[in-house]
Amino acid sequence: MKTSIAIVRGLFRREPNLDLMRVQDVGLRELDGPIVLDWAATNPRIVLTHDRSTMPDFAYELSCQVCLWLTI
């Protein structure tokens, strides 16, 4: 089982009413990280990602402009 699927299943086991969205659910799958982070900040959402190469830098750049959380 993929790690991300296991994480999501574990979250729902702990919190069955969790309000979770995937980027593909809201039409953001093909978009760049800064756009995803901006959408998350605008819609207050927490971003869960495995992208350790670019997302932390994007989050740092945007953190001065908007309040957001990034969990890796």
Protein backbone atom coordinates (compact mmCIF):
# COMPACT_ATOMS: atom_id res chain seq x y z
CA MET A 1 0.00 0.00 0.00
CA LYS A 2 1.29 3.45 -0.85
CA THR A 3 2.33 5.56 2.11
CA SER A 4 -0.09 8.38 1.24
CA ILE A 5 -3.05 5.97 1.10
CA ALA A 6 -2.04 4.51 4.47
CA ILE A 7 -1.82 8.02 5.97
CA VAL A 8 -5.27 8.99 4.68
CA ARG A 9 -6.83 5.74 5.92
CA GLY A 10 -5.22 6.25 9.33
CA LEU A 11 -6.55 9.81 9.53
CA PHE A 12 -10.08 8.64 8.72
CA ARG A 13 -9.84 5.85 11.30
CA ARG A 14 -9.03 8.44 13.96
CA GLU A 15 -11.46 11.08 12.67
CA PRO A 16 -14.26 9.61 10.52
CA ASN A 17 -15.76 13.05 9.81
CA LEU A 18 -12.47 14.50 8.57
CA ASP A 19 -12.92 17.13 5.84
CA LEU A 20 -10.13 16.03 3.50
CA MET A 21 -9.63 17.09 -0.13
CA ARG A 22 -7.07 15.90 -2.63
CA VAL A 23 -5.61 18.28 -5.21
CA GLN A 24 -7.26 16.25 -7.96
CA ASP A 25 -10.66 16.72 -6.24
CA VAL A 26 -10.46 20.50 -6.70
CA GLY A 27 -8.74 20.66 -10.09
CA LEU A 28 -5.24 21.50 -8.85
CA ARG A 29 -3.37 18.29 -9.68
CA GLU A 30 -1.50 19.64 -12.71
CA LEU A 31 -0.69 23.04 -11.16
CA ASP A 32 2.57 24.20 -9.58
CA GLY A 33 3.23 24.13 -5.84
CA PRO A 34 2.81 27.87 -5.23
CA ILE A 35 -0.67 27.78 -6.73
CA VAL A 36 -1.65 24.80 -4.57
CA LEU A 37 -0.28 26.50 -1.44
CA ASP A 38 -2.06 29.75 -2.26
CA TRP A 39 -5.34 27.87 -2.76
CA ALA A 40 -4.85 26.08 0.58
CA ALA A 41 -4.19 29.37 2.38
CA THR A 42 -7.20 31.05 0.77
CA ASN A 43 -9.54 28.18 1.64
CA PRO A 44 -8.00 27.48 4.97
CA ARG A 45 -6.54 24.03 4.31
CA ILE A 46 -3.49 22.15 5.50
CA VAL A 47 -1.26 20.76 2.76
CA LEU A 48 0.13 17.26 3.14
CA THR A 49 2.89 16.50 0.65
CA HIS A 50 5.79 14.18 -0.05
CA ASP A 51 7.50 16.85 -2.18
CA ARG A 52 10.51 17.73 -0.05
CA SER A 53 12.48 19.15 -2.95
CA THR A 54 10.36 22.19 -3.84
CA MET A 55 7.34 22.64 -1.55
CA PRO A 56 9.29 23.84 1.54
CA ASP A 57 10.89 26.62 -0.52
CA PHE A 58 7.54 27.61 -2.00
CA ALA A 59 5.94 27.62 1.46
CA TYR A 60 8.72 29.76 2.87
CA GLU A 61 8.35 32.29 0.04
CA LEU A 62 4.58 32.49 0.49
CA SER A 63 4.58 32.50 4.30
CA CYS A 64 5.33 36.23 4.41
CA GLN A 65 2.18 36.92 2.39
CA VAL A 66 -0.35 34.40 3.70
CA CYS A 67 -0.79 32.19 6.73
CA LEU A 68 -0.50 28.52 5.81
CA TRP A 69 0.72 25.21 7.12
CA LEU A 70 2.85 22.65 5.32
CA THR A 71 3.26 19.14 6.66
CA ILE A 72 5.88 16.87 5.17
